[in-house]
């Protein structure tokens, strides 16, 4: 890194904040990692586990002495936290976050500071697990995972470079995206799948006769519903923070599901085969994206994914 970070303050020692702190320590990237959490027991455990070097007894004092402040709290708590730390934040202190929604955090920063500080680089590590708390901290959590930064036009280029290099030092691949686009993409690829898993498990759990579904569930069911074990409070906050983008995705999914239901109801095998075939080809392509081998998505008009004859609205 081009600038030495002597002291880093991590506010919120959950899985992400704890893993960020532990990764910094494990790689000796900073002189001191300070932790702060609303639950002091988490900081005490973090000290015992070697996740942090020091527990902040005064949040404002810790902010004032930090070269970098990482906000790793639930997205709905960001605005009140920014209001709290604003008086102690130095003009040269780097500020970033790990929230999975971005527009609401940027808008919160605008309300608190009037103008979003140039040293604030909003970010989102695409990594996680169903476990939570500082005891789940993993120094290698971000290895070979993506981190999306969503700087604004007035964000300091030096701040973006420093935050990028820091994440890269933790083994992450850093990408940049416009904040609104980030929220749209994450609504489709992360938020909607979580909601579907929550909804499916909740629906089935209400039916007494469905106990056998859980008892004899195959691997596919377990794999899909695994994410329903995620933190309910966090996902409650995400639904509120990314409301509009999520509603758009739910509407699109509902339309597709209705088309599938109609095909089953009318025994329209051609439509069913078209949906399943296109989905399989798309899934194979997306798999190559994840491994870095994809270079071009086949055209919807190409023979490999041409619509089955007789299907309505094949391009939707």
C-alpha atoms as a PDB file:
ATOM      1  CA  UNK A   1       0.000   0.000   0.000  1.00  0.00           C
ATOM      2  CA  UNK A   2       1.136   3.531  -0.758  1.00  0.00           C
ATOM      3  CA  UNK A   3       0.097   4.876   2.628  1.00  0.00           C
ATOM      4  CA  UNK A   4       0.733   3.251   5.976  1.00  0.00           C
ATOM      5  CA  UNK A   5      -2.349   2.607   8.077  1.00  0.00           C
ATOM      6  CA  UNK A   6      -1.196   2.598  11.670  1.00  0.00           C
ATOM      7  CA  UNK A   7      -4.549   2.176  13.389  1.00  0.00           C
ATOM      8  CA  UNK A   8      -7.729   0.664  11.982  1.00  0.00           C
ATOM      9  CA  UNK A   9     -11.018   0.833  13.854  1.00  0.00           C
ATOM     10  CA  UNK A  10     -13.615  -1.838  13.062  1.00  0.00           C
ATOM     11  CA  UNK A  11     -17.080  -0.924  14.305  1.00  0.00           C
ATOM     12  CA  UNK A  12     -19.220  -4.039  14.525  1.00  0.00           C
ATOM     13  CA  UNK A  13     -17.520  -7.351  15.277  1.00  0.00           C
ATOM     14  CA  UNK A  14     -19.878  -9.700  13.501  1.00  0.00           C
ATOM     15  CA  UNK A  15     -18.764 -12.201  10.883  1.00  0.00           C
ATOM     16  CA  UNK A  16     -17.705  -9.588   8.317  1.00  0.00           C
ATOM     17  CA  UNK A  17     -16.223  -7.027  10.699  1.00  0.00           C
ATOM     18  CA  UNK A  18     -14.511  -9.720  12.729  1.00  0.00           C
ATOM     19  CA  UNK A  19     -13.113 -11.419   9.642  1.00  0.00           C
ATOM     20  CA  UNK A  20     -11.856  -8.082   8.283  1.00  0.00           C
ATOM     21  CA  UNK A  21     -10.083  -7.361  11.579  1.00  0.00           C
ATOM     22  CA  UNK A  22      -8.649 -10.852  11.842  1.00  0.00           C
ATOM     23  CA  UNK A  23      -7.441 -10.779   8.240  1.00  0.00           C
ATOM     24  CA  UNK A  24      -5.610  -7.488   8.827  1.00  0.00           C
ATOM     25  CA  UNK A  25      -3.888  -8.922  11.884  1.00  0.00           C
ATOM     26  CA  UNK A  26      -3.034 -12.238  10.257  1.00  0.00           C
ATOM     27  CA  UNK A  27      -1.325 -10.477   7.367  1.00  0.00           C
ATOM     28  CA  UNK A  28       0.365  -7.812   9.531  1.00  0.00           C
ATOM     29  CA  UNK A  29      -1.030  -5.048   7.331  1.00  0.00           C
ATOM     30  CA  UNK A  30      -1.509  -2.471  10.094  1.00  0.00           C
ATOM     31  CA  UNK A  31       0.066  -1.655  13.431  1.00  0.00           C
ATOM     32  CA  UNK A  32      -3.082  -1.953  15.523  1.00  0.00           C
ATOM     33  CA  UNK A  33      -6.641  -3.195  15.002  1.00  0.00           C
ATOM     34  CA  UNK A  34      -9.149  -1.647  17.396  1.00  0.00           C
ATOM     35  CA  UNK A  35     -12.607  -3.150  17.813  1.00  0.00           C
ATOM     36  CA  UNK A  36     -15.878  -1.634  18.944  1.00  0.00           C
ATOM     37  CA  UNK A  37     -19.239  -3.316  19.317  1.00  0.00           C
ATOM     38  CA  UNK A  38     -22.481  -2.450  21.080  1.00  0.00           C
ATOM     39  CA  UNK A  39     -22.074  -5.756  22.866  1.00  0.00           C
ATOM     40  CA  UNK A  40     -18.835  -5.481  24.900  1.00  0.00           C
ATOM     41  CA  UNK A  41     -18.736  -9.260  25.282  1.00  0.00           C
ATOM     42  CA  UNK A  42     -18.064  -9.549  21.551  1.00  0.00           C
ATOM     43  CA  UNK A  43     -15.011  -7.297  21.876  1.00  0.00           C
ATOM     44  CA  UNK A  44     -13.806  -9.224  24.898  1.00  0.00           C
ATOM     45  CA  UNK A  45     -14.151 -12.473  22.974  1.00  0.00           C
ATOM     46  CA  UNK A  46     -12.416 -10.850  20.015  1.00  0.00           C
ATOM     47  CA  UNK A  47      -9.462 -10.042  22.235  1.00  0.00           C
ATOM     48  CA  UNK A  48      -9.344 -13.598  23.552  1.00  0.00           C
ATOM     49  CA  UNK A  49      -9.472 -15.053  20.041  1.00  0.00           C
ATOM     50  CA  UNK A  50      -6.849 -12.670  18.671  1.00  0.00           C
ATOM     51  CA  UNK A  51      -9.303 -11.024  16.264  1.00  0.00           C
ATOM     52  CA  UNK A  52      -8.448  -7.511  17.502  1.00  0.00           C
ATOM     53  CA  UNK A  53      -5.524  -5.932  19.350  1.00  0.00           C
ATOM     54  CA  UNK A  54      -7.527  -3.555  21.495  1.00  0.00           C
ATOM     55  CA  UNK A  55     -11.079  -2.892  22.627  1.00  0.00           C
ATOM     56  CA  UNK A  56     -12.297   0.696  22.264  1.00  0.00           C
ATOM     57  CA  UNK A  57     -13.654   1.993  25.536  1.00  0.00           C
ATOM     58  CA  UNK A  58     -14.691   5.296  23.952  1.00  0.00           C
ATOM     59  CA  UNK A  59     -16.028   5.161  20.400  1.00  0.00           C
ATOM     60  CA  UNK A  60     -15.312   8.841  19.685  1.00  0.00           C
ATOM     61  CA  UNK A  61     -11.757   8.609  20.994  1.00  0.00           C
ATOM     62  CA  UNK A  62     -11.159   5.549  18.857  1.00  0.00           C
ATOM     63  CA  UNK A  63     -12.548   7.285  15.763  1.00  0.00           C
ATOM     64  CA  UNK A  64     -10.341  10.324  16.387  1.00  0.00           C
ATOM     65  CA  UNK A  65      -7.147   8.266  16.457  1.00  0.00           C
ATOM     66  CA  UNK A  66      -7.970   5.880  13.589  1.00  0.00           C
ATOM     67  CA  UNK A  67      -6.424   6.107  10.122  1.00  0.00           C
ATOM     68  CA  UNK A  68      -9.233   3.944   8.752  1.00  0.00           C
ATOM     69  CA  UNK A  69     -12.724   3.313  10.096  1.00  0.00           C
ATOM     70  CA  UNK A  70     -14.623   0.266   8.852  1.00  0.00           C
ATOM     71  CA  UNK A  71     -18.398   0.348   9.424  1.00  0.00           C
ATOM     72  CA  UNK A  72     -19.557  -3.259   9.715  1.00  0.00           C
ATOM     73  CA  UNK A  73     -22.970  -2.818  11.314  1.00  0.00           C
ATOM     74  CA  UNK A  74     -26.476  -3.617   9.987  1.00  0.00           C
ATOM     75  CA  UNK A  75     -27.450  -1.318   7.119  1.00  0.00           C
ATOM     76  CA  UNK A  76     -30.359   0.206   9.039  1.00  0.00           C
ATOM     77  CA  UNK A  77     -27.968   1.247  11.825  1.00  0.00           C
ATOM     78  CA  UNK A  78     -25.577   3.122   9.531  1.00  0.00           C
ATOM     79  CA  UNK A  79     -27.176   6.564   9.745  1.00  0.00           C
ATOM     80  CA  UNK A  80     -27.275   6.737  13.530  1.00  0.00           C
ATOM     81  CA  UNK A  81     -23.704   5.466  13.653  1.00  0.00           C
ATOM     82  CA  UNK A  82     -22.546   8.119  11.182  1.00  0.00           C
ATOM     83  CA  UNK A  83     -24.269  10.792  13.278  1.00  0.00           C
ATOM     84  CA  UNK A  84     -22.441   9.530  16.350  1.00  0.00           C
ATOM     85  CA  UNK A  85     -18.952   9.423  14.870  1.00  0.00           C
ATOM     86  CA  UNK A  86     -19.163  12.538  12.651  1.00  0.00           C
ATOM     87  CA  UNK A  87     -17.814  14.983  15.287  1.00  0.00           C
ATOM     88  CA  UNK A  88     -14.690  12.874  15.854  1.00  0.00           C
ATOM     89  CA  UNK A  89     -13.930  11.929  12.254  1.00  0.00           C
ATOM     90  CA  UNK A  90     -10.729  13.559  10.971  1.00  0.00           C
ATOM     91  CA  UNK A  91     -10.673  14.946   7.449  1.00  0.00           C
ATOM     92  CA  UNK A  92      -7.793  12.636   6.506  1.00  0.00           C
ATOM     93  CA  UNK A  93      -9.320   9.474   7.986  1.00  0.00           C
ATOM     94  CA  UNK A  94     -10.420   6.866   5.464  1.00  0.00           C
ATOM     95  CA  UNK A  95     -13.996   5.695   5.911  1.00  0.00           C
ATOM     96  CA  UNK A  96     -15.556   2.610   4.348  1.00  0.00           C
ATOM     97  CA  UNK A  97     -18.312   0.129   5.042  1.00  0.00           C
ATOM     98  CA  UNK A  98     -19.333  -3.465   4.361  1.00  0.00           C
ATOM     99  CA  UNK A  99     -23.072  -3.032   3.900  1.00  0.00           C
ATOM    100  CA  UNK A 100     -24.878  -5.140   1.301  1.00  0.00           C
ATOM    101  CA  UNK A 101     -26.937  -2.153   0.116  1.00  0.00           C
ATOM    102  CA  UNK A 102     -25.355   1.066  -0.990  1.00  0.00           C
ATOM    103  CA  UNK A 103     -27.836   3.792  -1.963  1.00  0.00           C
ATOM    104  CA  UNK A 104     -29.408   3.971   1.498  1.00  0.00           C
ATOM    105  CA  UNK A 105     -25.968   4.311   3.119  1.00  0.00           C
ATOM    106  CA  UNK A 106     -24.872   7.023   0.688  1.00  0.00           C
ATOM    107  CA  UNK A 107     -28.132   8.896   1.261  1.00  0.00           C
ATOM    108  CA  UNK A 108     -27.625   8.555   5.020  1.00  0.00           C
ATOM    109  CA  UNK A 109     -24.122  10.026   4.664  1.00  0.00           C
ATOM    110  CA  UNK A 110     -25.552  12.932   2.673  1.00  0.00           C
ATOM    111  CA  UNK A 111     -28.062  13.678   5.432  1.00  0.00           C
ATOM    112  CA  UNK A 112     -25.417  13.491   8.153  1.00  0.00           C
ATOM    113  CA  UNK A 113     -22.563  15.365   6.443  1.00  0.00           C
ATOM    114  CA  UNK A 114     -24.542  17.423   3.897  1.00  0.00           C
ATOM    115  CA  UNK A 115     -21.830  16.447   1.408  1.00  0.00           C
ATOM    116  CA  UNK A 116     -20.513  12.890   1.400  1.00  0.00           C
ATOM    117  CA  UNK A 117     -16.902  13.028   2.632  1.00  0.00           C
ATOM    118  CA  UNK A 118     -14.347  12.566  -0.125  1.00  0.00           C
ATOM    119  CA  UNK A 119     -12.551   9.921   1.945  1.00  0.00           C
ATOM    120  CA  UNK A 120     -15.690   7.770   2.253  1.00  0.00           C
ATOM    121  CA  UNK A 121     -15.505   4.755  -0.071  1.00  0.00           C
ATOM    122  CA  UNK A 122     -18.681   2.646   0.137  1.00  0.00           C
ATOM    123  CA  UNK A 123     -17.969  -1.046  -0.255  1.00  0.00           C
ATOM    124  CA  UNK A 124     -19.507  -4.493  -0.123  1.00  0.00           C
ATOM    125  CA  UNK A 125     -17.542  -7.742   0.256  1.00  0.00           C
ATOM    126  CA  UNK A 126     -19.424 -10.559  -1.488  1.00  0.00           C
ATOM    127  CA  UNK A 127     -18.579 -13.125   1.137  1.00  0.00           C
ATOM    128  CA  UNK A 128     -20.256 -14.583   4.160  1.00  0.00           C
ATOM    129  CA  UNK A 129     -21.590 -17.636   5.937  1.00  0.00           C
ATOM    130  CA  UNK A 130     -24.609 -18.647   7.930  1.00  0.00           C
ATOM    131  CA  UNK A 131     -22.594 -18.346  11.143  1.00  0.00           C
ATOM    132  CA  UNK A 132     -22.508 -15.003  12.900  1.00  0.00           C
ATOM    133  CA  UNK A 133     -20.624 -13.238  15.657  1.00  0.00           C
ATOM    134  CA  UNK A 134     -16.956 -12.665  16.279  1.00  0.00           C
ATOM    135  CA  UNK A 135     -16.437 -16.343  17.095  1.00  0.00           C
ATOM    136  CA  UNK A 136     -17.070 -17.071  13.393  1.00  0.00           C
ATOM    137  CA  UNK A 137     -14.369 -14.636  12.227  1.00  0.00           C
ATOM    138  CA  UNK A 138     -12.250 -16.138   9.463  1.00  0.00           C
ATOM    139  CA  UNK A 139      -9.014 -14.503   8.331  1.00  0.00           C
ATOM    140  CA  UNK A 140      -9.379 -16.117   4.896  1.00  0.00           C
ATOM    141  CA  UNK A 141     -13.046 -15.257   4.361  1.00  0.00           C
ATOM    142  CA  UNK A 142     -12.320 -12.793   1.558  1.00  0.00           C
ATOM    143  CA  UNK A 143      -9.783 -14.912  -0.329  1.00  0.00           C
ATOM    144  CA  UNK A 144     -10.866 -15.252  -3.984  1.00  0.00           C
ATOM    145  CA  UNK A 145     -14.099 -13.380  -3.287  1.00  0.00           C
ATOM    146  CA  UNK A 146     -15.279 -10.176  -4.914  1.00  0.00           C
ATOM    147  CA  UNK A 147     -15.494  -6.818  -3.185  1.00  0.00           C
ATOM    148  CA  UNK A 148     -17.584  -4.162  -4.906  1.00  0.00           C
ATOM    149  CA  UNK A 149     -16.681  -0.528  -4.305  1.00  0.00           C
ATOM    150  CA  UNK A 150     -19.215   2.147  -5.236  1.00  0.00           C
ATOM    151  CA  UNK A 151     -17.355   5.480  -5.135  1.00  0.00           C
ATOM    152  CA  UNK A 152     -19.142   8.689  -6.027  1.00  0.00           C
ATOM    153  CA  UNK A 153     -17.870  11.231  -8.596  1.00  0.00           C
ATOM    154  CA  UNK A 154     -16.378  13.350  -5.796  1.00  0.00           C
ATOM    155  CA  UNK A 155     -14.769  10.469  -3.931  1.00  0.00           C
ATOM    156  CA  UNK A 156     -11.009  10.874  -3.552  1.00  0.00           C
ATOM    157  CA  UNK A 157      -9.177   8.744  -6.112  1.00  0.00           C
ATOM    158  CA  UNK A 158      -6.423   8.197  -3.546  1.00  0.00           C
ATOM    159  CA  UNK A 159      -8.973   6.907  -1.026  1.00  0.00           C
ATOM    160  CA  UNK A 160     -10.380   4.512  -3.626  1.00  0.00           C
ATOM    161  CA  UNK A 161      -6.879   3.282  -4.441  1.00  0.00           C
ATOM    162  CA  UNK A 162      -6.000   2.732  -0.782  1.00  0.00           C
ATOM    163  CA  UNK A 163      -9.207   0.848   0.002  1.00  0.00           C
ATOM    164  CA  UNK A 164      -8.816  -1.224  -3.171  1.00  0.00           C
ATOM    165  CA  UNK A 165      -5.251  -2.157  -2.303  1.00  0.00           C
ATOM    166  CA  UNK A 166      -6.248  -3.061   1.227  1.00  0.00           C
ATOM    167  CA  UNK A 167      -8.949  -5.475   0.042  1.00  0.00           C
ATOM    168  CA  UNK A 168      -6.581  -6.931  -2.530  1.00  0.00           C
ATOM    169  CA  UNK A 169      -4.085  -7.515   0.269  1.00  0.00           C
ATOM    170  CA  UNK A 170      -6.783  -9.650   1.920  1.00  0.00           C
ATOM    171  CA  UNK A 171      -7.009 -11.802  -1.206  1.00  0.00           C
ATOM    172  CA  UNK A 172     -10.138 -10.220  -2.677  1.00  0.00           C
ATOM    173  CA  UNK A 173     -10.896  -9.234  -6.266  1.00  0.00           C
ATOM    174  CA  UNK A 174     -11.985  -5.590  -6.284  1.00  0.00           C
ATOM    175  CA  UNK A 175     -14.583  -4.255  -8.704  1.00  0.00           C
ATOM    176  CA  UNK A 176     -16.243  -0.853  -9.042  1.00  0.00           C
ATOM    177  CA  UNK A 177     -19.898  -0.202  -9.768  1.00  0.00           C
ATOM    178  CA  UNK A 178     -22.399   2.624  -9.564  1.00  0.00           C
ATOM    179  CA  UNK A 179     -24.310   2.452  -6.261  1.00  0.00           C
ATOM    180  CA  UNK A 180     -27.768   2.135  -7.811  1.00  0.00           C
ATOM    181  CA  UNK A 181     -26.596  -0.577 -10.187  1.00  0.00           C
ATOM    182  CA  UNK A 182     -25.030  -2.429  -7.253  1.00  0.00           C
ATOM    183  CA  UNK A 183     -28.362  -2.506  -5.444  1.00  0.00           C
ATOM    184  CA  UNK A 184     -30.169  -3.753  -8.554  1.00  0.00           C
ATOM    185  CA  UNK A 185     -27.636  -6.516  -9.157  1.00  0.00           C
ATOM    186  CA  UNK A 186     -27.571  -7.650  -5.537  1.00  0.00           C
ATOM    187  CA  UNK A 187     -31.367  -7.629  -5.362  1.00  0.00           C
ATOM    188  CA  UNK A 188     -31.402 -10.194  -8.176  1.00  0.00           C
ATOM    189  CA  UNK A 189     -28.396 -12.327  -7.289  1.00  0.00           C
ATOM    190  CA  UNK A 190     -28.389 -12.318  -3.492  1.00  0.00           C
ATOM    191  CA  UNK A 191     -31.385 -10.688  -1.877  1.00  0.00           C
ATOM    192  CA  UNK A 192     -34.120 -12.401  -3.912  1.00  0.00           C
ATOM    193  CA  UNK A 193     -32.639 -15.927  -3.497  1.00  0.00           C
ATOM    194  CA  UNK A 194     -32.476 -15.404   0.260  1.00  0.00           C
ATOM    195  CA  UNK A 195     -36.095 -14.253   0.352  1.00  0.00           C
ATOM    196  CA  UNK A 196     -37.190 -17.252  -1.693  1.00  0.00           C
ATOM    197  CA  UNK A 197     -35.397 -19.609   0.674  1.00  0.00           C
ATOM    198  CA  UNK A 198     -36.930 -17.927   3.726  1.00  0.00           C
ATOM    199  CA  UNK A 199     -40.377 -18.026   2.148  1.00  0.00           C
ATOM    200  CA  UNK A 200     -40.161 -21.672   1.089  1.00  0.00           C
ATOM    201  CA  UNK A 201     -39.025 -22.928   4.487  1.00  0.00           C
ATOM    202  CA  UNK A 202     -41.565 -20.745   6.293  1.00  0.00           C
ATOM    203  CA  UNK A 203     -44.392 -21.987   4.052  1.00  0.00           C
ATOM    204  CA  UNK A 204     -43.522 -25.639   4.463  1.00  0.00           C
ATOM    205  CA  UNK A 205     -42.937 -25.321   8.198  1.00  0.00           C
ATOM    206  CA  UNK A 206     -46.547 -24.163   8.669  1.00  0.00           C
ATOM    207  CA  UNK A 207     -47.925 -27.447   7.414  1.00  0.00           C
ATOM    208  CA  UNK A 208     -48.032 -30.260   9.970  1.00  0.00           C
ATOM    209  CA  UNK A 209     -48.124 -32.898   7.240  1.00  0.00           C
ATOM    210  CA  UNK A 210     -44.947 -31.459   5.702  1.00  0.00           C
ATOM    211  CA  UNK A 211     -42.672 -32.704   8.474  1.00  0.00           C
ATOM    212  CA  UNK A 212     -41.645 -35.559   6.209  1.00  0.00           C
ATOM    213  CA  UNK A 213     -40.369 -33.012   3.687  1.00  0.00           C
ATOM    214  CA  UNK A 214     -37.713 -31.915   6.146  1.00  0.00           C
ATOM    215  CA  UNK A 215     -37.073 -35.427   7.416  1.00  0.00           C
ATOM    216  CA  UNK A 216     -36.445 -36.905   3.990  1.00  0.00           C
ATOM    217  CA  UNK A 217     -35.243 -33.830   2.120  1.00  0.00           C
ATOM    218  CA  UNK A 218     -32.711 -34.519  -0.603  1.00  0.00           C
ATOM    219  CA  UNK A 219     -29.515 -32.591  -1.166  1.00  0.00           C
ATOM    220  CA  UNK A 220     -31.082 -30.092  -3.552  1.00  0.00           C
ATOM    221  CA  UNK A 221     -33.596 -28.941  -0.952  1.00  0.00           C
ATOM    222  CA  UNK A 222     -30.921 -28.645   1.709  1.00  0.00           C
ATOM    223  CA  UNK A 223     -28.610 -26.721  -0.603  1.00  0.00           C
ATOM    224  CA  UNK A 224     -31.295 -24.258  -1.671  1.00  0.00           C
ATOM    225  CA  UNK A 225     -32.696 -23.643   1.812  1.00  0.00           C
ATOM    226  CA  UNK A 226     -29.304 -23.467   3.555  1.00  0.00           C
ATOM    227  CA  UNK A 227     -29.335 -19.674   3.291  1.00  0.00           C
ATOM    228  CA  UNK A 228     -32.612 -19.542   5.245  1.00  0.00           C
ATOM    229  CA  UNK A 229     -30.403 -20.031   8.316  1.00  0.00           C
ATOM    230  CA  UNK A 230     -29.049 -16.495   7.849  1.00  0.00           C
ATOM    231  CA  UNK A 231     -29.579 -13.727  10.400  1.00  0.00           C
ATOM    232  CA  UNK A 232     -33.282 -12.692  10.301  1.00  0.00           C
ATOM    233  CA  UNK A 233     -32.615  -9.186  11.635  1.00  0.00           C
ATOM    234  CA  UNK A 234     -29.997  -8.511   8.982  1.00  0.00           C
ATOM    235  CA  UNK A 235     -32.339  -9.632   6.206  1.00  0.00           C
ATOM    236  CA  UNK A 236     -35.209  -7.625   7.667  1.00  0.00           C
ATOM    237  CA  UNK A 237     -32.978  -4.563   7.372  1.00  0.00           C
ATOM    238  CA  UNK A 238     -31.878  -5.416   3.832  1.00  0.00           C
ATOM    239  CA  UNK A 239     -35.499  -5.747   2.686  1.00  0.00           C
ATOM    240  CA  UNK A 240     -36.253  -2.270   3.948  1.00  0.00           C
ATOM    241  CA  UNK A 241     -33.010  -0.726   2.711  1.00  0.00           C
ATOM    242  CA  UNK A 242     -33.282  -2.144  -0.824  1.00  0.00           C
ATOM    243  CA  UNK A 243     -37.073  -2.092  -1.060  1.00  0.00           C
ATOM    244  CA  UNK A 244     -37.593  -0.786  -4.600  1.00  0.00           C
ATOM    245  CA  UNK A 245     -35.019  -2.987  -6.310  1.00  0.00           C
ATOM    246  CA  UNK A 246     -36.268  -6.028  -4.407  1.00  0.00           C
ATOM    247  CA  UNK A 247     -39.891  -5.393  -5.330  1.00  0.00           C
ATOM    248  CA  UNK A 248     -38.897  -5.150  -9.007  1.00  0.00           C
ATOM    249  CA  UNK A 249     -37.130  -8.510  -8.784  1.00  0.00           C
ATOM    250  CA  UNK A 250     -40.009 -10.134  -6.913  1.00  0.00           C
ATOM    251  CA  UNK A 251     -42.420  -8.907  -9.610  1.00  0.00           C
ATOM    252  CA  UNK A 252     -40.222 -10.313 -12.382  1.00  0.00           C
ATOM    253  CA  UNK A 253     -39.880 -13.622 -10.582  1.00  0.00           C
ATOM    254  CA  UNK A 254     -43.620 -13.784  -9.923  1.00  0.00           C
ATOM    255  CA  UNK A 255     -44.307 -13.285 -13.634  1.00  0.00           C
ATOM    256  CA  UNK A 256     -41.913 -16.085 -14.543  1.00  0.00           C
ATOM    257  CA  UNK A 257     -43.342 -18.396 -11.886  1.00  0.00           C
ATOM    258  CA  UNK A 258     -46.888 -17.709 -13.097  1.00  0.00           C
ATOM    259  CA  UNK A 259     -45.822 -18.646 -16.635  1.00  0.00           C
ATOM    260  CA  UNK A 260     -44.330 -21.872 -15.312  1.00  0.00           C
ATOM    261  CA  UNK A 261     -47.472 -22.652 -13.319  1.00  0.00           C
ATOM    262  CA  UNK A 262     -49.663 -22.099 -16.360  1.00  0.00           C
ATOM    263  CA  UNK A 263     -47.491 -24.394 -18.437  1.00  0.00           C
ATOM    264  CA  UNK A 264     -47.799 -27.147 -15.840  1.00  0.00           C
ATOM    265  CA  UNK A 265     -51.548 -26.594 -15.455  1.00  0.00           C
ATOM    266  CA  UNK A 266     -52.190 -26.746 -19.221  1.00  0.00           C
ATOM    267  CA  UNK A 267     -49.678 -29.565 -19.758  1.00  0.00           C
ATOM    268  CA  UNK A 268     -47.754 -27.341 -22.152  1.00  0.00           C
ATOM    269  CA  UNK A 269     -44.661 -29.467 -22.520  1.00  0.00           C
ATOM    270  CA  UNK A 270     -43.066 -27.239 -25.137  1.00  0.00           C
ATOM    271  CA  UNK A 271     -43.082 -24.218 -22.844  1.00  0.00           C
ATOM    272  CA  UNK A 272     -41.776 -26.288 -19.936  1.00  0.00           C
ATOM    273  CA  UNK A 273     -38.962 -27.680 -22.060  1.00  0.00           C
ATOM    274  CA  UNK A 274     -38.097 -24.197 -23.288  1.00  0.00           C
ATOM    275  CA  UNK A 275     -37.909 -22.770 -19.766  1.00  0.00           C
ATOM    276  CA  UNK A 276     -35.824 -25.659 -18.463  1.00  0.00           C
ATOM    277  CA  UNK A 277     -33.479 -25.708 -21.459  1.00  0.00           C
ATOM    278  CA  UNK A 278     -32.795 -21.978 -21.393  1.00  0.00           C
ATOM    279  CA  UNK A 279     -32.299 -22.083 -17.632  1.00  0.00           C
ATOM    280  CA  UNK A 280     -29.780 -24.914 -17.885  1.00  0.00           C
ATOM    281  CA  UNK A 281     -27.794 -23.168 -20.618  1.00  0.00           C
ATOM    282  CA  UNK A 282     -27.849 -19.885 -18.694  1.00  0.00           C
ATOM    283  CA  UNK A 283     -26.725 -21.667 -15.520  1.00  0.00           C
ATOM    284  CA  UNK A 284     -23.821 -23.282 -17.367  1.00  0.00           C
ATOM    285  CA  UNK A 285     -22.801 -19.893 -18.702  1.00  0.00           C
ATOM    286  CA  UNK A 286     -23.016 -18.270 -15.283  1.00  0.00           C
ATOM    287  CA  UNK A 287     -20.870 -21.076 -13.905  1.00  0.00           C
ATOM    288  CA  UNK A 288     -18.149 -20.190 -16.399  1.00  0.00           C
ATOM    289  CA  UNK A 289     -18.381 -16.572 -15.273  1.00  0.00           C
ATOM    290  CA  UNK A 290     -17.659 -17.670 -11.727  1.00  0.00           C
ATOM    291  CA  UNK A 291     -14.566 -19.524 -12.879  1.00  0.00           C
ATOM    292  CA  UNK A 292     -13.421 -16.689 -15.122  1.00  0.00           C
ATOM    293  CA  UNK A 293     -13.695 -18.622 -18.377  1.00  0.00           C
ATOM    294  CA  UNK A 294     -16.717 -16.956 -19.983  1.00  0.00           C
ATOM    295  CA  UNK A 295     -16.186 -14.531 -22.827  1.00  0.00           C
ATOM    296  CA  UNK A 296     -19.542 -14.151 -24.564  1.00  0.00           C
ATOM    297  CA  UNK A 297     -23.170 -14.896 -23.728  1.00  0.00           C
ATOM    298  CA  UNK A 298     -24.923 -16.662 -26.632  1.00  0.00           C
ATOM    299  CA  UNK A 299     -27.562 -14.575 -28.353  1.00  0.00           C
ATOM    300  CA  UNK A 300     -31.168 -15.451 -27.485  1.00  0.00           C
ATOM    301  CA  UNK A 301     -31.617 -16.066 -31.228  1.00  0.00           C
ATOM    302  CA  UNK A 302     -28.767 -18.537 -31.505  1.00  0.00           C
ATOM    303  CA  UNK A 303     -29.730 -22.179 -32.233  1.00  0.00           C
ATOM    304  CA  UNK A 304     -28.463 -23.350 -28.848  1.00  0.00           C
ATOM    305  CA  UNK A 305     -31.130 -21.434 -26.951  1.00  0.00           C
ATOM    306  CA  UNK A 306     -33.733 -20.814 -29.582  1.00  0.00           C
ATOM    307  CA  UNK A 307     -37.272 -20.778 -28.195  1.00  0.00           C
ATOM    308  CA  UNK A 308     -39.270 -23.973 -28.540  1.00  0.00           C
ATOM    309  CA  UNK A 309     -41.860 -23.722 -31.290  1.00  0.00           C
ATOM    310  CA  UNK A 310     -45.248 -22.551 -30.069  1.00  0.00           C
ATOM    311  CA  UNK A 311     -43.994 -20.904 -26.862  1.00  0.00           C
ATOM    312  CA  UNK A 312     -45.428 -17.505 -26.005  1.00  0.00           C
ATOM    313  CA  UNK A 313     -43.173 -14.531 -25.189  1.00  0.00           C
ATOM    314  CA  UNK A 314     -39.960 -16.574 -25.524  1.00  0.00           C
ATOM    315  CA  UNK A 315     -37.697 -13.605 -24.952  1.00  0.00           C
ATOM    316  CA  UNK A 316     -39.009 -12.606 -21.539  1.00  0.00           C
END
